[in-house]
Amino acid sequence: MSADLVGYLAAALTTIAFVPQAWKTWKTRSAAGVSLRMYIIFTTGVALWLGYGLMIDAWPVIAANCVTLVLALFILVMRVKYGDPTRPPR
């Protein structure tokens, strides 16, 4: 098995893992269980991984992180937009 094939398989599985959360957030219009701090840190990390992939021209890293960044940003925007209904407004 080639290294690129392993990379693409790993990229596909870790990226697909975000689809159920994005779908649930979209469907319920609720992101109450999503940690805002965690998603800010995570999304920043994904953007850095994408930059790294571009710098070394590693297409499995680029492809996975492009899709993951879109999904993570979507969830992050939904979290900011819909907030946490369990916390009172400041």
Protein backbone atom coordinates (compact mmCIF):
# COMPACT_ATOMS: atom_id res chain seq x y z
CA MET A 1 0.00 0.00 0.00
CA SER A 2 1.47 3.38 -0.97
CA ALA A 3 1.97 6.23 1.47
CA ASP A 4 -0.37 8.45 -0.57
CA LEU A 5 -3.12 5.82 -0.42
CA VAL A 6 -2.77 5.59 3.36
CA GLY A 7 -2.81 9.41 3.51
CA TYR A 8 -5.96 9.69 1.41
CA LEU A 9 -7.72 6.97 3.42
CA ALA A 10 -6.80 8.64 6.71
CA ALA A 11 -7.87 12.00 5.30
CA ALA A 12 -11.21 10.64 4.13
CA LEU A 13 -12.04 9.00 7.45
CA THR A 14 -11.04 11.94 9.65
CA THR A 15 -12.87 14.39 7.39
CA ILE A 16 -16.04 12.30 7.13
CA ALA A 17 -16.11 12.19 10.93
CA PHE A 18 -17.20 15.86 10.94
CA VAL A 19 -20.18 15.38 8.65
CA PRO A 20 -22.59 14.03 11.32
CA GLN A 21 -21.85 16.99 13.65
CA ALA A 22 -22.26 19.51 10.84
CA TRP A 23 -25.51 17.84 9.74
CA LYS A 24 -26.92 17.73 13.28
CA THR A 25 -25.97 21.36 13.89
CA TRP A 26 -27.62 22.42 10.62
CA LYS A 27 -30.74 20.31 11.17
CA THR A 28 -31.37 21.35 14.79
CA ARG A 29 -29.98 24.88 14.49
CA SER A 30 -28.33 24.19 17.82
CA ALA A 31 -24.69 23.95 18.73
CA ALA A 32 -25.17 23.95 22.48
CA GLY A 33 -22.90 20.95 23.02
CA VAL A 34 -20.05 22.38 20.96
CA SER A 35 -17.18 23.99 22.85
CA LEU A 36 -16.46 27.39 21.32
CA ARG A 37 -12.87 27.49 22.58
CA MET A 38 -12.16 23.99 21.30
CA TYR A 39 -13.51 24.78 17.83
CA ILE A 40 -11.55 28.04 17.61
CA ILE A 41 -8.35 26.19 18.50
CA PHE A 42 -9.20 23.24 16.25
CA THR A 43 -10.11 25.39 13.25
CA THR A 44 -6.88 27.35 13.62
CA GLY A 45 -4.96 24.06 13.72
CA VAL A 46 -6.70 22.79 10.58
CA ALA A 47 -5.87 26.04 8.77
CA LEU A 48 -2.23 25.60 9.80
CA TRP A 49 -2.24 21.97 8.59
CA LEU A 50 -3.63 23.19 5.27
CA GLY A 51 -0.84 25.75 5.06
CA TYR A 52 1.71 23.06 5.88
CA GLY A 53 0.28 20.77 3.20
CA LEU A 54 0.52 23.57 0.66
CA MET A 55 4.11 24.32 1.68
CA ILE A 56 5.25 20.73 1.20
CA ASP A 57 2.89 20.01 -1.73
CA ALA A 58 1.26 17.04 0.03
CA TRP A 59 -2.08 16.52 -1.70
CA PRO A 60 -3.60 14.13 0.89
CA VAL A 61 -2.96 16.77 3.58
CA ILE A 62 -4.25 19.59 1.35
CA ALA A 63 -7.42 17.77 0.28
CA ALA A 64 -8.35 16.60 3.76
CA ASN A 65 -7.73 19.92 5.42
CA CYS A 66 -9.61 21.92 2.77
CA VAL A 67 -12.76 19.89 3.39
CA THR A 68 -12.22 19.70 7.15
CA LEU A 69 -11.66 23.46 7.33
CA VAL A 70 -14.96 24.12 5.55
CA LEU A 71 -16.83 21.75 7.89
CA ALA A 72 -15.11 23.10 11.02
CA LEU A 73 -15.78 26.71 9.99
CA PHE A 74 -19.41 25.84 9.35
CA ILE A 75 -19.78 24.32 12.82
CA LEU A 76 -17.90 27.25 14.38
CA VAL A 77 -20.14 29.81 12.64
CA MET A 78 -23.23 27.90 13.72
CA ARG A 79 -21.91 27.80 17.29
CA VAL A 80 -21.35 31.56 17.30
CA LYS A 81 -24.65 32.28 15.54
CA TYR A 82 -26.87 30.07 17.66
CA GLY A 83 -24.85 30.32 20.85
CA ASP A 84 -25.40 28.22 23.90
CA PRO A 85 -29.05 28.31 25.01
CA THR A 86 -28.11 27.03 28.46
CA ARG A 87 -26.15 30.20 29.27
CA PRO A 88 -27.90 33.48 29.95
CA PRO A 89 -26.91 36.47 27.78
CA ARG A 90 -24.27 38.78 29.26
